[in-house]
């Protein structure tokens, strides 16, 4: 996922697992798991891009192999920017005892779901957020340690409406390219996203701004001050 897509194809260093890792951690883990073979792998990656729940697939020690756009949105970045990061660098557990419990369970070969209360600072507005990561060991039972599927539930004690003019840096760049006439495929190539990843962001913006069609979406972006009216090619304000 060096190109930022929902693609777990390893580079040479990732395939080797880096120095100092245990032999069981050096083996490459395909994020598609049992769907790694044939066309099912692409179907898995497309589905991951479309799911609105923030999701990441990680190695047993927490290194992110793949993250979907919903997860990357928490930091206002593209999915590829999270590859190689560690979950413990991204999230702060409220109680390390929960991490210790998960570590011990993996050591003993147990495969259950483990909730971890976390907090993190959003990349879009810098606000501190809280939620729960559900960590689920997945993959072939004979592989030890297993890969980890991490699902994030963002806690909203007092639901707040996102300001209509507030967009993430990735969304602003998508809108700028769209305003310049770029196709969905070329936007994805420029930003390291899949076509489904680009459509995910455009759909969310259209719903938030209550508009239909790309032309109306771009026009709304100019009205809200998201795009600079004095720049060509179009650029974020």
C-alpha atoms as a PDB file:
ATOM      1  CA  UNK A   1       0.000   0.000   0.000  1.00  0.00           C
ATOM      2  CA  UNK A   2       2.913   2.309  -0.663  1.00  0.00           C
ATOM      3  CA  UNK A   3       0.739   4.106  -3.222  1.00  0.00           C
ATOM      4  CA  UNK A   4      -1.892   4.784  -0.570  1.00  0.00           C
ATOM      5  CA  UNK A   5      -4.464   2.390  -1.949  1.00  0.00           C
ATOM      6  CA  UNK A   6      -6.212  -0.335  -0.036  1.00  0.00           C
ATOM      7  CA  UNK A   7      -3.558  -2.764  -1.220  1.00  0.00           C
ATOM      8  CA  UNK A   8      -1.448  -4.934   1.027  1.00  0.00           C
ATOM      9  CA  UNK A   9       1.205  -5.856  -1.568  1.00  0.00           C
ATOM     10  CA  UNK A  10       4.491  -5.936   0.359  1.00  0.00           C
ATOM     11  CA  UNK A  11       7.661  -4.114  -0.567  1.00  0.00           C
ATOM     12  CA  UNK A  12      11.016  -5.816  -0.054  1.00  0.00           C
ATOM     13  CA  UNK A  13      11.477  -4.522   3.473  1.00  0.00           C
ATOM     14  CA  UNK A  14       7.939  -5.380   4.550  1.00  0.00           C
ATOM     15  CA  UNK A  15       8.288  -8.858   3.147  1.00  0.00           C
ATOM     16  CA  UNK A  16      11.397  -9.338   5.244  1.00  0.00           C
ATOM     17  CA  UNK A  17       9.625  -7.899   8.275  1.00  0.00           C
ATOM     18  CA  UNK A  18      12.550  -5.696   9.250  1.00  0.00           C
ATOM     19  CA  UNK A  19      15.375  -6.500  11.595  1.00  0.00           C
ATOM     20  CA  UNK A  20      14.925  -7.742  15.109  1.00  0.00           C
ATOM     21  CA  UNK A  21      11.490  -9.269  14.633  1.00  0.00           C
ATOM     22  CA  UNK A  22      10.680 -12.761  15.797  1.00  0.00           C
ATOM     23  CA  UNK A  23      10.578 -15.353  12.982  1.00  0.00           C
ATOM     24  CA  UNK A  24       6.815 -15.656  13.309  1.00  0.00           C
ATOM     25  CA  UNK A  25       6.504 -11.899  12.744  1.00  0.00           C
ATOM     26  CA  UNK A  26       8.849 -11.786   9.744  1.00  0.00           C
ATOM     27  CA  UNK A  27       6.472 -13.743   7.531  1.00  0.00           C
ATOM     28  CA  UNK A  28       4.387 -11.492   5.326  1.00  0.00           C
ATOM     29  CA  UNK A  29       0.723 -11.373   6.265  1.00  0.00           C
ATOM     30  CA  UNK A  30      -1.640 -10.533   3.424  1.00  0.00           C
ATOM     31  CA  UNK A  31      -4.388  -8.288   4.835  1.00  0.00           C
ATOM     32  CA  UNK A  32      -6.927 -10.077   2.668  1.00  0.00           C
ATOM     33  CA  UNK A  33      -6.448 -13.151   4.843  1.00  0.00           C
ATOM     34  CA  UNK A  34      -8.389 -16.147   3.497  1.00  0.00           C
ATOM     35  CA  UNK A  35      -9.400 -14.027   0.484  1.00  0.00           C
ATOM     36  CA  UNK A  36      -5.799 -13.435  -0.600  1.00  0.00           C
ATOM     37  CA  UNK A  37      -5.979 -15.787  -3.578  1.00  0.00           C
ATOM     38  CA  UNK A  38      -7.480 -14.960  -6.963  1.00  0.00           C
ATOM     39  CA  UNK A  39     -10.142 -12.299  -7.549  1.00  0.00           C
ATOM     40  CA  UNK A  40     -11.424 -12.526  -3.986  1.00  0.00           C
ATOM     41  CA  UNK A  41      -8.492 -10.399  -2.823  1.00  0.00           C
ATOM     42  CA  UNK A  42      -9.623  -7.472  -4.988  1.00  0.00           C
ATOM     43  CA  UNK A  43     -13.198  -7.911  -3.794  1.00  0.00           C
ATOM     44  CA  UNK A  44     -11.989  -7.772  -0.192  1.00  0.00           C
ATOM     45  CA  UNK A  45     -10.038  -4.558  -0.804  1.00  0.00           C
ATOM     46  CA  UNK A  46     -12.936  -2.905  -2.644  1.00  0.00           C
ATOM     47  CA  UNK A  47     -15.299  -3.817   0.194  1.00  0.00           C
ATOM     48  CA  UNK A  48     -12.863  -2.452   2.767  1.00  0.00           C
ATOM     49  CA  UNK A  49     -12.754   0.889   0.952  1.00  0.00           C
ATOM     50  CA  UNK A  50     -16.550   1.165   0.959  1.00  0.00           C
ATOM     51  CA  UNK A  51     -17.183   0.305   4.610  1.00  0.00           C
ATOM     52  CA  UNK A  52     -17.923   3.495   6.614  1.00  0.00           C
ATOM     53  CA  UNK A  53     -16.580   1.972   9.849  1.00  0.00           C
ATOM     54  CA  UNK A  54     -12.911   2.864  10.530  1.00  0.00           C
ATOM     55  CA  UNK A  55     -10.947  -0.371  10.039  1.00  0.00           C
ATOM     56  CA  UNK A  56      -7.284  -1.381  10.041  1.00  0.00           C
ATOM     57  CA  UNK A  57      -5.553  -4.733   9.620  1.00  0.00           C
ATOM     58  CA  UNK A  58      -2.360  -5.019  11.649  1.00  0.00           C
ATOM     59  CA  UNK A  59       0.430  -7.364  12.575  1.00  0.00           C
ATOM     60  CA  UNK A  60       0.327  -8.892  16.039  1.00  0.00           C
ATOM     61  CA  UNK A  61       2.673  -6.210  17.395  1.00  0.00           C
ATOM     62  CA  UNK A  62       0.407  -3.427  16.084  1.00  0.00           C
ATOM     63  CA  UNK A  63       2.024  -2.410  12.789  1.00  0.00           C
ATOM     64  CA  UNK A  64      -0.676  -1.286  10.343  1.00  0.00           C
ATOM     65  CA  UNK A  65      -0.739  -3.316   7.135  1.00  0.00           C
ATOM     66  CA  UNK A  66      -3.784  -1.627   5.649  1.00  0.00           C
ATOM     67  CA  UNK A  67      -6.339   0.990   6.665  1.00  0.00           C
ATOM     68  CA  UNK A  68      -9.538   2.038   4.951  1.00  0.00           C
ATOM     69  CA  UNK A  69     -10.476   5.668   4.143  1.00  0.00           C
ATOM     70  CA  UNK A  70     -12.764   5.889   7.174  1.00  0.00           C
ATOM     71  CA  UNK A  71      -9.838   5.096   9.480  1.00  0.00           C
ATOM     72  CA  UNK A  72      -7.471   7.474   7.668  1.00  0.00           C
ATOM     73  CA  UNK A  73     -10.076  10.221   7.901  1.00  0.00           C
ATOM     74  CA  UNK A  74      -9.564  10.344  11.669  1.00  0.00           C
ATOM     75  CA  UNK A  75      -6.163  11.875  10.951  1.00  0.00           C
ATOM     76  CA  UNK A  76      -7.163  13.799   7.836  1.00  0.00           C
ATOM     77  CA  UNK A  77      -4.887  11.749   5.627  1.00  0.00           C
ATOM     78  CA  UNK A  78      -4.883   9.042   2.961  1.00  0.00           C
ATOM     79  CA  UNK A  79      -4.928   5.335   3.900  1.00  0.00           C
ATOM     80  CA  UNK A  80      -1.383   4.790   2.626  1.00  0.00           C
ATOM     81  CA  UNK A  81      -0.009   7.257   5.182  1.00  0.00           C
ATOM     82  CA  UNK A  82      -1.013   4.911   8.023  1.00  0.00           C
ATOM     83  CA  UNK A  83       0.789   1.869   6.628  1.00  0.00           C
ATOM     84  CA  UNK A  84       3.753   0.988   8.811  1.00  0.00           C
ATOM     85  CA  UNK A  85       2.504   3.056  11.756  1.00  0.00           C
ATOM     86  CA  UNK A  86       1.784   1.325  15.046  1.00  0.00           C
ATOM     87  CA  UNK A  87      -1.655   1.397  16.645  1.00  0.00           C
ATOM     88  CA  UNK A  88      -0.074   2.426  19.938  1.00  0.00           C
ATOM     89  CA  UNK A  89       1.433   5.463  18.198  1.00  0.00           C
ATOM     90  CA  UNK A  90      -1.947   6.427  16.779  1.00  0.00           C
ATOM     91  CA  UNK A  91      -4.134   5.695  19.800  1.00  0.00           C
ATOM     92  CA  UNK A  92      -3.562   6.188  23.513  1.00  0.00           C
ATOM     93  CA  UNK A  93      -5.133   3.375  25.573  1.00  0.00           C
ATOM     94  CA  UNK A  94      -7.037   4.524  28.643  1.00  0.00           C
ATOM     95  CA  UNK A  95      -5.778   1.479  30.562  1.00  0.00           C
ATOM     96  CA  UNK A  96      -2.599  -0.409  29.650  1.00  0.00           C
ATOM     97  CA  UNK A  97      -4.080  -3.415  31.459  1.00  0.00           C
ATOM     98  CA  UNK A  98      -6.323  -3.916  28.425  1.00  0.00           C
ATOM     99  CA  UNK A  99      -3.255  -4.090  26.183  1.00  0.00           C
ATOM    100  CA  UNK A 100      -1.540  -6.491  28.583  1.00  0.00           C
ATOM    101  CA  UNK A 101      -4.621  -8.732  28.504  1.00  0.00           C
ATOM    102  CA  UNK A 102      -4.564  -8.783  24.705  1.00  0.00           C
ATOM    103  CA  UNK A 103      -0.830  -9.495  24.600  1.00  0.00           C
ATOM    104  CA  UNK A 104      -1.215 -12.418  27.001  1.00  0.00           C
ATOM    105  CA  UNK A 105      -4.156 -13.805  25.024  1.00  0.00           C
ATOM    106  CA  UNK A 106      -2.121 -13.745  21.806  1.00  0.00           C
ATOM    107  CA  UNK A 107       0.774 -15.467  23.572  1.00  0.00           C
ATOM    108  CA  UNK A 108      -1.568 -18.256  24.674  1.00  0.00           C
ATOM    109  CA  UNK A 109      -3.124 -18.579  21.219  1.00  0.00           C
ATOM    110  CA  UNK A 110      -6.565 -17.388  22.267  1.00  0.00           C
ATOM    111  CA  UNK A 111      -8.799 -15.855  19.629  1.00  0.00           C
ATOM    112  CA  UNK A 112     -11.518 -13.682  21.078  1.00  0.00           C
ATOM    113  CA  UNK A 113     -12.514 -10.078  20.604  1.00  0.00           C
ATOM    114  CA  UNK A 114     -10.832  -7.619  22.919  1.00  0.00           C
ATOM    115  CA  UNK A 115     -12.180  -4.077  23.477  1.00  0.00           C
ATOM    116  CA  UNK A 116      -9.630  -1.344  24.183  1.00  0.00           C
ATOM    117  CA  UNK A 117     -10.773   2.104  25.299  1.00  0.00           C
ATOM    118  CA  UNK A 118      -8.681   4.704  23.467  1.00  0.00           C
ATOM    119  CA  UNK A 119      -8.288   8.413  22.887  1.00  0.00           C
ATOM    120  CA  UNK A 120      -6.557  10.239  20.065  1.00  0.00           C
ATOM    121  CA  UNK A 121      -6.195  13.706  18.607  1.00  0.00           C
ATOM    122  CA  UNK A 122      -8.000  14.253  15.321  1.00  0.00           C
ATOM    123  CA  UNK A 123      -5.898  15.383  12.397  1.00  0.00           C
ATOM    124  CA  UNK A 124      -8.595  17.642  10.950  1.00  0.00           C
ATOM    125  CA  UNK A 125      -9.242  19.991  13.881  1.00  0.00           C
ATOM    126  CA  UNK A 126      -6.831  18.808  16.600  1.00  0.00           C
ATOM    127  CA  UNK A 127      -9.713  17.958  18.934  1.00  0.00           C
ATOM    128  CA  UNK A 128      -9.260  15.046  21.335  1.00  0.00           C
ATOM    129  CA  UNK A 129     -11.604  12.177  20.617  1.00  0.00           C
ATOM    130  CA  UNK A 130     -12.483   9.028  22.498  1.00  0.00           C
ATOM    131  CA  UNK A 131     -13.750   5.664  21.412  1.00  0.00           C
ATOM    132  CA  UNK A 132     -13.264   1.925  21.515  1.00  0.00           C
ATOM    133  CA  UNK A 133     -11.033  -0.256  19.391  1.00  0.00           C
ATOM    134  CA  UNK A 134     -12.286  -3.794  19.018  1.00  0.00           C
ATOM    135  CA  UNK A 135      -9.273  -6.020  18.341  1.00  0.00           C
ATOM    136  CA  UNK A 136     -10.060  -9.341  16.712  1.00  0.00           C
ATOM    137  CA  UNK A 137      -7.324 -11.908  15.904  1.00  0.00           C
ATOM    138  CA  UNK A 138      -8.014 -13.218  12.402  1.00  0.00           C
ATOM    139  CA  UNK A 139      -6.561 -15.534   9.782  1.00  0.00           C
ATOM    140  CA  UNK A 140      -5.524 -19.155   9.588  1.00  0.00           C
ATOM    141  CA  UNK A 141      -5.585 -20.703  13.099  1.00  0.00           C
ATOM    142  CA  UNK A 142      -2.292 -22.447  12.316  1.00  0.00           C
ATOM    143  CA  UNK A 143      -0.522 -19.082  11.893  1.00  0.00           C
ATOM    144  CA  UNK A 144       0.833 -17.719  15.141  1.00  0.00           C
ATOM    145  CA  UNK A 145       0.803 -14.886  15.955  1.00  0.00           C
ATOM    146  CA  UNK A 146      -2.279 -13.963  13.928  1.00  0.00           C
ATOM    147  CA  UNK A 147      -3.060 -10.731  12.147  1.00  0.00           C
ATOM    148  CA  UNK A 148      -5.316  -8.321  14.010  1.00  0.00           C
ATOM    149  CA  UNK A 149      -8.496  -6.715  12.723  1.00  0.00           C
ATOM    150  CA  UNK A 150      -9.077  -3.387  14.473  1.00  0.00           C
ATOM    151  CA  UNK A 151     -12.501  -1.700  14.285  1.00  0.00           C
ATOM    152  CA  UNK A 152     -12.930   1.774  15.742  1.00  0.00           C
ATOM    153  CA  UNK A 153     -16.136   3.036  17.312  1.00  0.00           C
ATOM    154  CA  UNK A 154     -15.950   6.793  17.831  1.00  0.00           C
ATOM    155  CA  UNK A 155     -17.716   7.916  20.981  1.00  0.00           C
ATOM    156  CA  UNK A 156     -19.983  10.915  20.605  1.00  0.00           C
ATOM    157  CA  UNK A 157     -21.394  11.766  24.027  1.00  0.00           C
ATOM    158  CA  UNK A 158     -22.867  14.952  22.635  1.00  0.00           C
ATOM    159  CA  UNK A 159     -23.243  14.581  18.878  1.00  0.00           C
ATOM    160  CA  UNK A 160     -21.922  17.641  17.107  1.00  0.00           C
ATOM    161  CA  UNK A 161     -22.694  18.669  13.563  1.00  0.00           C
ATOM    162  CA  UNK A 162     -19.561  18.935  11.456  1.00  0.00           C
ATOM    163  CA  UNK A 163     -19.309  22.516  10.129  1.00  0.00           C
ATOM    164  CA  UNK A 164     -20.393  22.427   6.532  1.00  0.00           C
ATOM    165  CA  UNK A 165     -17.290  24.244   5.350  1.00  0.00           C
ATOM    166  CA  UNK A 166     -14.896  22.016   7.286  1.00  0.00           C
ATOM    167  CA  UNK A 167     -13.118  19.426   5.172  1.00  0.00           C
ATOM    168  CA  UNK A 168     -10.032  17.306   5.683  1.00  0.00           C
ATOM    169  CA  UNK A 169      -6.855  18.042   3.665  1.00  0.00           C
ATOM    170  CA  UNK A 170      -7.533  14.970   1.537  1.00  0.00           C
ATOM    171  CA  UNK A 171     -11.104  16.083   0.813  1.00  0.00           C
ATOM    172  CA  UNK A 172      -9.887  19.571  -0.130  1.00  0.00           C
ATOM    173  CA  UNK A 173      -7.387  18.118  -2.593  1.00  0.00           C
ATOM    174  CA  UNK A 174     -10.058  15.842  -4.087  1.00  0.00           C
ATOM    175  CA  UNK A 175     -12.369  18.829  -4.582  1.00  0.00           C
ATOM    176  CA  UNK A 176      -9.593  20.886  -6.169  1.00  0.00           C
ATOM    177  CA  UNK A 177      -8.774  18.157  -8.671  1.00  0.00           C
ATOM    178  CA  UNK A 178     -12.472  17.601  -9.411  1.00  0.00           C
ATOM    179  CA  UNK A 179     -12.908  21.332 -10.011  1.00  0.00           C
ATOM    180  CA  UNK A 180     -10.106  21.144 -12.561  1.00  0.00           C
ATOM    181  CA  UNK A 181     -11.948  18.442 -14.489  1.00  0.00           C
ATOM    182  CA  UNK A 182      -9.982  15.411 -13.289  1.00  0.00           C
ATOM    183  CA  UNK A 183     -11.705  12.039 -13.517  1.00  0.00           C
ATOM    184  CA  UNK A 184     -12.259   9.867 -10.466  1.00  0.00           C
ATOM    185  CA  UNK A 185      -9.511   7.520 -11.635  1.00  0.00           C
ATOM    186  CA  UNK A 186      -6.984  10.326 -12.163  1.00  0.00           C
ATOM    187  CA  UNK A 187      -7.838  11.835  -8.763  1.00  0.00           C
ATOM    188  CA  UNK A 188      -7.149   8.449  -7.185  1.00  0.00           C
ATOM    189  CA  UNK A 189      -3.827   8.161  -9.025  1.00  0.00           C
ATOM    190  CA  UNK A 190      -2.757  11.649  -7.953  1.00  0.00           C
ATOM    191  CA  UNK A 191      -3.637  11.120  -4.297  1.00  0.00           C
ATOM    192  CA  UNK A 192      -2.844   7.423  -3.897  1.00  0.00           C
ATOM    193  CA  UNK A 193      -6.465   6.370  -3.438  1.00  0.00           C
ATOM    194  CA  UNK A 194      -8.574   3.735  -5.119  1.00  0.00           C
ATOM    195  CA  UNK A 195     -11.584   4.782  -7.198  1.00  0.00           C
ATOM    196  CA  UNK A 196     -13.819   3.573  -4.356  1.00  0.00           C
ATOM    197  CA  UNK A 197     -11.769   5.605  -1.901  1.00  0.00           C
ATOM    198  CA  UNK A 198     -12.321   8.784  -3.926  1.00  0.00           C
ATOM    199  CA  UNK A 199     -16.035   8.055  -4.276  1.00  0.00           C
ATOM    200  CA  UNK A 200     -16.241   7.450  -0.513  1.00  0.00           C
ATOM    201  CA  UNK A 201     -15.061  11.000   0.186  1.00  0.00           C
ATOM    202  CA  UNK A 202     -17.192  12.585  -2.543  1.00  0.00           C
ATOM    203  CA  UNK A 203     -20.314  10.793  -1.308  1.00  0.00           C
ATOM    204  CA  UNK A 204     -19.724  11.901   2.285  1.00  0.00           C
ATOM    205  CA  UNK A 205     -19.262  15.515   1.170  1.00  0.00           C
ATOM    206  CA  UNK A 206     -22.392  15.401  -0.992  1.00  0.00           C
ATOM    207  CA  UNK A 207     -24.444  14.128   1.942  1.00  0.00           C
ATOM    208  CA  UNK A 208     -22.948  16.668   4.342  1.00  0.00           C
ATOM    209  CA  UNK A 209     -23.605  19.580   1.972  1.00  0.00           C
ATOM    210  CA  UNK A 210     -26.897  18.164   0.687  1.00  0.00           C
ATOM    211  CA  UNK A 211     -26.059  18.469  -2.995  1.00  0.00           C
ATOM    212  CA  UNK A 212     -26.204  16.053  -5.906  1.00  0.00           C
ATOM    213  CA  UNK A 213     -23.662  15.720  -8.669  1.00  0.00           C
ATOM    214  CA  UNK A 214     -20.023  16.726  -8.938  1.00  0.00           C
ATOM    215  CA  UNK A 215     -20.776  20.133 -10.486  1.00  0.00           C
ATOM    216  CA  UNK A 216     -22.960  21.125  -7.533  1.00  0.00           C
ATOM    217  CA  UNK A 217     -20.377  19.749  -5.113  1.00  0.00           C
ATOM    218  CA  UNK A 218     -17.591  21.871  -6.629  1.00  0.00           C
ATOM    219  CA  UNK A 219     -19.834  24.955  -6.687  1.00  0.00           C
ATOM    220  CA  UNK A 220     -20.669  24.436  -3.026  1.00  0.00           C
ATOM    221  CA  UNK A 221     -16.965  24.123  -2.205  1.00  0.00           C
ATOM    222  CA  UNK A 222     -16.336  27.578  -3.686  1.00  0.00           C
ATOM    223  CA  UNK A 223     -19.315  29.104  -1.877  1.00  0.00           C
ATOM    224  CA  UNK A 224     -18.123  27.693   1.464  1.00  0.00           C
ATOM    225  CA  UNK A 225     -14.583  28.934   0.908  1.00  0.00           C
ATOM    226  CA  UNK A 226     -13.044  25.475   0.674  1.00  0.00           C
ATOM    227  CA  UNK A 227     -11.499  26.268  -2.730  1.00  0.00           C
ATOM    228  CA  UNK A 228      -9.659  29.452  -3.570  1.00  0.00           C
ATOM    229  CA  UNK A 229     -11.599  31.635  -6.049  1.00  0.00           C
ATOM    230  CA  UNK A 230      -8.383  33.192  -7.367  1.00  0.00           C
ATOM    231  CA  UNK A 231      -6.396  30.062  -8.208  1.00  0.00           C
ATOM    232  CA  UNK A 232      -6.026  28.124 -11.438  1.00  0.00           C
ATOM    233  CA  UNK A 233      -5.566  25.229 -11.482  1.00  0.00           C
ATOM    234  CA  UNK A 234      -8.058  25.047  -8.628  1.00  0.00           C
ATOM    235  CA  UNK A 235      -6.480  24.829  -5.190  1.00  0.00           C
ATOM    236  CA  UNK A 236      -7.668  24.582  -1.583  1.00  0.00           C
ATOM    237  CA  UNK A 237      -8.215  27.961   0.080  1.00  0.00           C
END
